[in-house]
Amino acid sequence: MILVTGATGFIGQHVVARLAGAGHEVRCLVRPAFKERTLPPGVRVHMVAADLADVPALRVAMHNVDAVIHLAAVWTERGQQTFDAVNRQGTANLIEAAREVGATRLIFSSFPGADGNSAYTFLRGKALAEEAVRCSDLKFTILRPSWVYGPGDAWTTRIAMTLQAIPFFFPVIGNGQTRIQPLWAQDLALCIERCLDNPRTFSQTIALGGPGYLTFNDALDAIAQTLNVRRRKVFIRAPVAYELAEMMERLLPSPLLTMTTVDLLNVDTTTDLGSVKRNFGFEPARFAAALDYLRGQPWRRRFWGCLFGRA
């Protein structure tokens, strides 16, 4: 039995579909009384309600579990859902429960640039969670995927919304030269599946990325070309972007821009181009060739729905 946290999130849905399609028995951990997105049609899994803050409930959720795939995280702090409470302490609680029930395998999804000395709170929290994983006696693998994209993601879809909803220009944070290495969500799901029983990945931290380096400007141009739109880039200095993000987080239920997004747009998230091929034996999809999911969508309507919490 495999337990997946964050199973109904963007990456989690792809991972669950991959595992279930390959015949694995999957249990999905969902937060109690939380409005979850549905899993892909036809995916048959076990669902169990438990919070990462509740160790006894986690023990029950892990009954007969052999491996844990830990994807749950918060990217924006709201109320008690803080980076420390969820991303760090939640990971520590999950490890404690796994050790107590005898689960031996843990795959943890982190982020490039995770560093206890980082200037950015999100990355410091991820680094502390990684440290808890490394200090456990579990057979762990830490994956650090670059920006993951696909239907329902939090960045290419928001770029598409903004491109279609705002005429003439597109606001770019900073100078647009931050380097990223976008990774197709289904390719990440395949990497995670191939980690499960591969001893070469035990006790390893593996950075993952797609087959090409892009700047944020390059990614924006590829999305605009896919949608057949042209917009003039207007560059916004980071201090102004932080003020906008803070206002959106305070006023909007589903902000298009967050403080963490502004932070991460200051961090290069690249690794060597052969990482996926070398570690998992396949060539990942190229960004510009995999963007067809953006075509034919009602992005203007979704833009306004996103602003008012209906996305």
Protein backbone atom coordinates (compact mmCIF):
# COMPACT_ATOMS: atom_id res chain seq x y z
CA MET A 1 0.00 0.00 0.00
CA ILE A 2 1.26 3.49 -0.94
CA LEU A 3 0.09 6.57 0.97
CA VAL A 4 0.08 9.83 -1.01
CA THR A 5 -0.21 13.15 0.80
CA GLY A 6 -1.38 16.13 -1.22
CA ALA A 7 -3.11 13.61 -3.48
CA THR A 8 -5.78 15.99 -4.77
CA GLY A 9 -3.35 18.80 -5.55
CA PHE A 10 -1.98 19.49 -9.01
CA ILE A 11 1.03 17.16 -8.83
CA GLY A 12 -0.76 14.69 -6.58
CA GLN A 13 -3.49 14.03 -9.13
CA HIS A 14 -0.91 13.10 -11.76
CA VAL A 15 0.98 10.88 -9.31
CA VAL A 16 -2.15 9.08 -8.12
CA ALA A 17 -3.34 8.48 -11.69
CA ARG A 18 0.09 7.10 -12.61
CA LEU A 19 0.31 4.77 -9.62
CA ALA A 20 -3.26 3.52 -9.89
CA GLY A 21 -2.87 2.98 -13.64
CA ALA A 22 0.23 0.88 -12.98
CA GLY A 23 -1.69 -1.36 -10.58
CA HIS A 24 -0.42 -0.02 -7.26
CA GLU A 25 -2.75 0.05 -4.28
CA VAL A 26 -3.02 3.73 -3.36
CA ARG A 27 -4.39 5.49 -0.27
CA CYS A 28 -4.93 9.25 -0.50
CA LEU A 29 -4.53 11.44 2.57
CA VAL A 30 -6.97 14.37 2.55
CA ARG A 31 -7.56 17.06 5.12
CA PRO A 32 -10.79 16.66 7.16
CA ALA A 33 -13.67 18.94 6.17
CA PHE A 34 -11.62 20.38 3.31
CA LYS A 35 -13.14 21.04 -0.09
CA GLU A 36 -10.90 18.91 -2.28
CA ARG A 37 -10.56 18.86 -6.02
CA THR A 38 -11.70 15.59 -7.50
CA LEU A 39 -9.29 12.93 -8.63
CA PRO A 40 -9.03 12.08 -12.33
CA PRO A 41 -12.03 10.15 -13.69
CA GLY A 42 -11.79 6.37 -13.34
CA VAL A 43 -9.04 6.42 -10.71
CA ARG A 44 -9.90 3.96 -7.94
CA VAL A 45 -8.12 4.63 -4.66
CA HIS A 46 -8.70 4.55 -0.90
CA MET A 47 -9.40 7.91 0.74
CA VAL A 48 -8.61 8.68 4.38
CA ALA A 49 -9.08 11.95 6.28
CA ALA A 50 -6.23 13.13 8.49
CA ASP A 51 -4.32 16.32 9.14
CA LEU A 52 -0.53 16.51 9.14
CA ALA A 53 -0.77 18.11 12.58
CA ASP A 54 -2.53 15.04 14.05
CA VAL A 55 0.03 12.25 14.64
CA PRO A 56 -2.49 9.69 16.00
CA ALA A 57 -4.67 10.18 12.91
CA LEU A 58 -1.60 9.77 10.71
CA ARG A 59 -0.83 6.46 12.39
CA VAL A 60 -4.32 5.23 11.55
CA ALA A 61 -3.97 6.49 7.95
CA MET A 62 -0.73 4.50 7.60
CA HIS A 63 -2.20 1.12 8.54
CA ASN A 64 -0.60 -1.48 6.23
CA VAL A 65 1.29 1.24 4.34
CA ASP A 66 4.75 0.34 3.02
CA ALA A 67 5.69 3.56 1.21
CA VAL A 68 4.78 7.22 1.62
CA ILE A 69 4.88 9.83 -1.15
CA HIS A 70 4.83 13.19 0.57
CA LEU A 71 3.59 15.95 -1.74
CA ALA A 72 1.47 18.02 0.66
CA ALA A 73 2.70 21.57 1.23
CA VAL A 74 1.46 25.12 1.51
CA TRP A 75 2.81 27.80 -0.80
CA THR A 76 1.03 30.72 0.86
CA GLU A 77 0.74 31.25 4.60
CA ARG A 78 -2.80 31.77 5.89
CA GLY A 79 -3.85 31.51 9.51
CA GLN A 80 -2.46 28.33 11.07
CA GLN A 81 -1.38 27.01 7.67
CA THR A 82 2.17 28.33 7.89
CA PHE A 83 5.36 27.09 6.24
CA ASP A 84 6.69 26.00 9.62
CA ALA A 85 3.49 24.28 10.77
CA VAL A 86 2.74 22.41 7.54
CA ASN A 87 5.92 22.12 5.48
CA ARG A 88 8.35 21.50 8.34
CA GLN A 89 6.40 20.20 11.35
CA GLY A 90 3.90 18.34 9.16
CA THR A 91 6.78 16.47 7.54
CA ALA A 92 8.26 15.66 10.95
CA ASN A 93 4.88 14.35 12.13
CA LEU A 94 4.52 12.20 9.03
CA ILE A 95 7.98 10.68 9.62
CA GLU A 96 7.14 9.97 13.27
CA ALA A 97 3.94 8.17 12.29
CA ALA A 98 5.68 6.21 9.52
CA ARG A 99 8.38 4.96 11.89
CA GLU A 100 5.83 3.94 14.52
CA VAL A 101 3.72 1.87 12.11
CA GLY A 102 6.66 0.33 10.26
CA ALA A 103 6.50 2.09 6.90
CA THR A 104 10.03 2.06 5.50
CA ARG A 105 10.00 4.07 2.23
CA LEU A 106 9.56 7.84 1.88
CA ILE A 107 9.66 9.97 -1.26
CA PHE A 108 9.57 13.68 -0.49
CA SER A 109 8.93 16.45 -3.03
CA SER A 110 10.99 19.54 -2.22
CA PHE A 111 12.10 22.48 -4.37
CA PRO A 112 15.38 23.66 -5.94
CA GLY A 113 17.16 26.21 -3.81
CA ALA A 114 15.92 24.78 -0.51
CA ASP A 115 18.47 26.11 1.96
CA GLY A 116 18.38 26.79 5.68
CA ASN A 117 20.24 30.06 5.02
CA SER A 118 17.94 31.23 2.22
CA ALA A 119 16.52 34.73 2.34
CA TYR A 120 13.11 33.24 1.50
CA THR A 121 10.89 31.70 4.17
CA PHE A 122 9.40 29.05 1.89
CA LEU A 123 12.84 27.73 0.90
CA ARG A 124 14.07 27.75 4.50
CA GLY A 125 11.02 25.69 5.50
CA LYS A 126 11.64 23.20 2.71
CA ALA A 127 15.28 22.87 3.81
CA LEU A 128 14.21 22.10 7.39
CA ALA A 129 11.75 19.50 6.11
CA GLU A 130 14.54 17.94 4.03
CA GLU A 131 16.74 17.78 7.12
CA ALA A 132 14.00 15.93 9.02
CA VAL A 133 13.78 13.44 6.15
CA ARG A 134 17.55 12.89 6.05
CA CYS A 135 17.72 12.38 9.83
CA SER A 136 15.03 9.69 9.73
CA ASP A 137 15.91 6.01 9.49
CA LEU A 138 13.61 5.59 6.48
CA LYS A 139 14.70 4.67 2.97
CA PHE A 140 14.17 8.18 1.66
CA THR A 141 14.48 9.98 -1.65
CA ILE A 142 14.25 13.76 -1.87
CA LEU A 143 13.22 15.08 -5.27
CA ARG A 144 13.74 18.72 -6.21
CA PRO A 145 11.74 19.33 -9.41
CA SER A 146 11.98 22.68 -11.16
CA TRP A 147 8.75 24.47 -12.13
CA VAL A 148 6.22 21.70 -12.88
CA TYR A 149 3.63 22.42 -15.57
CA GLY A 150 0.50 20.81 -16.94
CA PRO A 151 -3.31 21.15 -16.86
CA GLY A 152 -4.36 22.81 -13.61
CA ASP A 153 -0.94 24.07 -12.56
CA ALA A 154 -0.46 27.34 -10.68
CA TRP A 155 1.66 29.20 -13.19
CA THR A 156 1.17 28.47 -16.91
CA THR A 157 -2.61 28.63 -16.47
CA ARG A 158 -2.38 31.94 -14.62
CA ILE A 159 -0.11 33.32 -17.32
CA ALA A 160 -2.65 32.18 -19.93
CA MET A 161 -5.48 33.84 -17.99
CA THR A 162 -3.60 37.12 -17.75
CA LEU A 163 -2.51 37.09 -21.39
CA GLN A 164 -6.12 36.66 -22.53
CA ALA A 165 -7.79 38.94 -19.98
CA ILE A 166 -5.46 41.96 -20.04
CA PRO A 167 -5.00 43.63 -23.45
CA PHE A 168 -1.84 45.17 -24.85
CA PHE A 169 0.67 44.34 -22.07
CA PHE A 170 1.80 41.63 -19.65
CA PRO A 171 3.32 42.43 -16.22
CA VAL A 172 6.63 40.63 -15.61
CA ILE A 173 8.20 40.48 -12.16
CA GLY A 174 11.79 41.71 -12.19
CA ASN A 175 13.64 41.52 -15.51
CA GLY A 176 12.29 38.12 -16.60
CA GLN A 177 15.78 36.59 -16.72
CA THR A 178 15.34 34.06 -13.91
CA ARG A 179 16.32 30.66 -15.32
CA ILE A 180 13.91 27.76 -15.01
CA GLN A 181 13.81 24.21 -16.37
CA PRO A 182 10.10 23.34 -16.66
CA LEU A 183 9.19 19.70 -16.03
CA TRP A 184 6.02 18.10 -17.45
CA ALA A 185 3.78 16.88 -14.59
CA GLN A 186 3.35 13.40 -16.05
CA ASP A 187 7.13 13.07 -16.33
CA LEU A 188 7.51 13.93 -12.65
CA ALA A 189 4.84 11.33 -11.81
CA LEU A 190 6.81 8.71 -13.76
CA CYS A 191 10.00 9.65 -11.90
CA ILE A 192 8.21 9.21 -8.58
CA GLU A 193 6.84 5.81 -9.58
CA ARG A 194 10.30 4.64 -10.70
CA CYS A 195 11.75 5.78 -7.36
CA LEU A 196 9.61 3.40 -5.33
CA ASP A 197 11.61 0.18 -5.62
CA ASN A 198 14.87 1.52 -7.00
CA PRO A 199 17.63 1.20 -4.36
CA ARG A 200 19.86 3.52 -6.43
CA THR A 201 17.59 6.38 -5.33
CA PHE A 202 17.71 5.54 -1.60
CA SER A 203 19.28 8.25 0.57
CA GLN A 204 19.58 10.52 -2.46
CA THR A 205 18.60 14.14 -3.18
CA ILE A 206 17.85 14.39 -6.89
CA ALA A 207 17.27 17.66 -8.76
CA LEU A 208 14.95 17.28 -11.75
CA GLY A 209 14.18 19.46 -14.75
CA GLY A 210 13.06 19.34 -18.32
CA PRO A 211 15.31 18.99 -21.37
CA GLY A 212 15.99 22.70 -21.84
CA TYR A 213 16.91 25.86 -19.94
CA LEU A 214 14.52 28.81 -20.27
CA THR A 215 14.29 32.27 -18.82
CA PHE A 216 10.90 33.32 -17.50
CA ASN A 217 10.67 35.57 -20.56
CA ASP A 218 11.24 32.54 -22.81
CA ALA A 219 8.45 30.62 -21.04
CA LEU A 220 6.11 33.59 -21.37
CA ASP A 221 6.87 33.88 -25.09
CA ALA A 222 6.19 30.16 -25.62
CA ILE A 223 2.81 30.42 -23.87
CA ALA A 224 1.87 33.56 -25.82
CA GLN A 225 2.79 31.83 -29.08
CA THR A 226 0.67 28.80 -28.15
CA LEU A 227 -2.30 31.11 -27.53
CA ASN A 228 -1.49 33.19 -30.63
CA VAL A 229 -1.43 36.48 -28.72
CA ARG A 230 1.06 39.29 -28.55
CA ARG A 231 1.63 41.44 -25.51
CA ARG A 232 4.19 44.05 -24.62
CA LYS A 233 6.13 43.09 -21.50
CA VAL A 234 6.01 45.63 -18.69
CA PHE A 235 8.65 44.92 -16.06
CA ILE A 236 7.74 45.44 -12.41
CA ARG A 237 10.40 45.96 -9.77
CA ALA A 238 10.42 43.43 -6.93
CA PRO A 239 9.42 45.90 -4.14
CA VAL A 240 6.32 46.89 -6.10
CA ALA A 241 5.55 43.24 -6.86
CA TYR A 242 5.73 42.37 -3.15
CA GLU A 243 3.25 45.14 -2.35
CA LEU A 244 0.87 43.87 -5.03
CA ALA A 245 1.21 40.27 -3.84
CA GLU A 246 0.60 41.24 -0.21
CA MET A 247 -2.54 43.15 -1.20
CA MET A 248 -3.84 40.24 -3.31
CA GLU A 249 -3.20 37.72 -0.52
CA ARG A 250 -5.07 39.94 1.92
CA LEU A 251 -8.06 40.76 -0.28
CA LEU A 252 -8.54 37.89 -2.73
CA PRO A 253 -9.54 34.27 -2.00
CA SER A 254 -7.43 33.03 -4.93
CA PRO A 255 -4.62 35.56 -5.59
CA LEU A 256 -3.02 35.54 -9.03
CA LEU A 257 0.27 36.66 -7.46
CA THR A 258 1.65 35.59 -4.08
CA MET A 259 4.64 36.58 -1.98
CA THR A 260 6.15 33.13 -2.51
CA THR A 261 5.84 33.47 -6.29
CA VAL A 262 7.74 36.75 -6.17
CA ASP A 263 10.39 35.10 -3.99
CA LEU A 264 10.83 32.15 -6.34
CA LEU A 265 11.09 34.41 -9.38
CA ASN A 266 14.37 35.56 -7.84
CA VAL A 267 15.80 32.01 -7.74
CA ASP A 268 17.27 30.05 -10.65
CA THR A 269 15.89 26.49 -10.59
CA THR A 270 18.03 24.56 -13.05
CA THR A 271 20.06 21.37 -12.90
CA ASP A 272 21.99 19.38 -15.51
CA LEU A 273 19.94 18.56 -18.59
CA GLY A 274 20.49 14.81 -18.29
CA SER A 275 19.18 14.37 -14.74
CA VAL A 276 15.88 12.67 -15.64
CA LYS A 277 17.48 10.49 -18.33
CA ARG A 278 20.37 9.46 -16.09
CA ASN A 279 18.30 8.69 -13.00
CA PHE A 280 15.05 7.38 -14.51
CA GLY A 281 15.84 6.27 -18.04
CA PHE A 282 13.65 8.48 -20.23
CA GLU A 283 13.72 11.85 -21.97
CA PRO A 284 11.22 14.37 -20.52
CA ALA A 285 8.86 16.43 -22.68
CA ARG A 286 9.94 19.74 -24.16
CA PHE A 287 8.08 22.75 -22.78
CA ALA A 288 6.95 24.42 -26.02
CA ALA A 289 5.80 21.08 -27.46
CA ALA A 290 3.59 20.18 -24.47
CA LEU A 291 1.45 23.32 -24.11
CA ASP A 292 -1.56 22.24 -26.16
CA TYR A 293 -3.61 21.94 -22.96
CA LEU A 294 -3.68 25.77 -22.91
CA ARG A 295 -5.53 26.04 -26.22
CA GLY A 296 -9.29 26.51 -26.47
CA GLN A 297 -9.88 27.39 -22.81
CA PRO A 298 -12.17 30.23 -21.57
CA TRP A 299 -9.25 32.02 -19.96
CA ARG A 300 -10.95 35.42 -19.61
CA ARG A 301 -13.82 33.90 -17.65
CA ARG A 302 -11.41 31.87 -15.55
CA PHE A 303 -9.35 34.99 -14.85
CA TRP A 304 -12.30 36.73 -13.20
CA GLY A 305 -13.41 33.49 -11.54
CA CYS A 306 -9.93 33.11 -10.06
CA LEU A 307 -10.02 36.64 -8.69
CA PHE A 308 -13.32 36.06 -6.94
CA GLY A 309 -12.72 32.51 -5.75
CA ARG A 310 -14.72 30.64 -8.39
CA ALA A 311 -11.76 29.06 -10.22
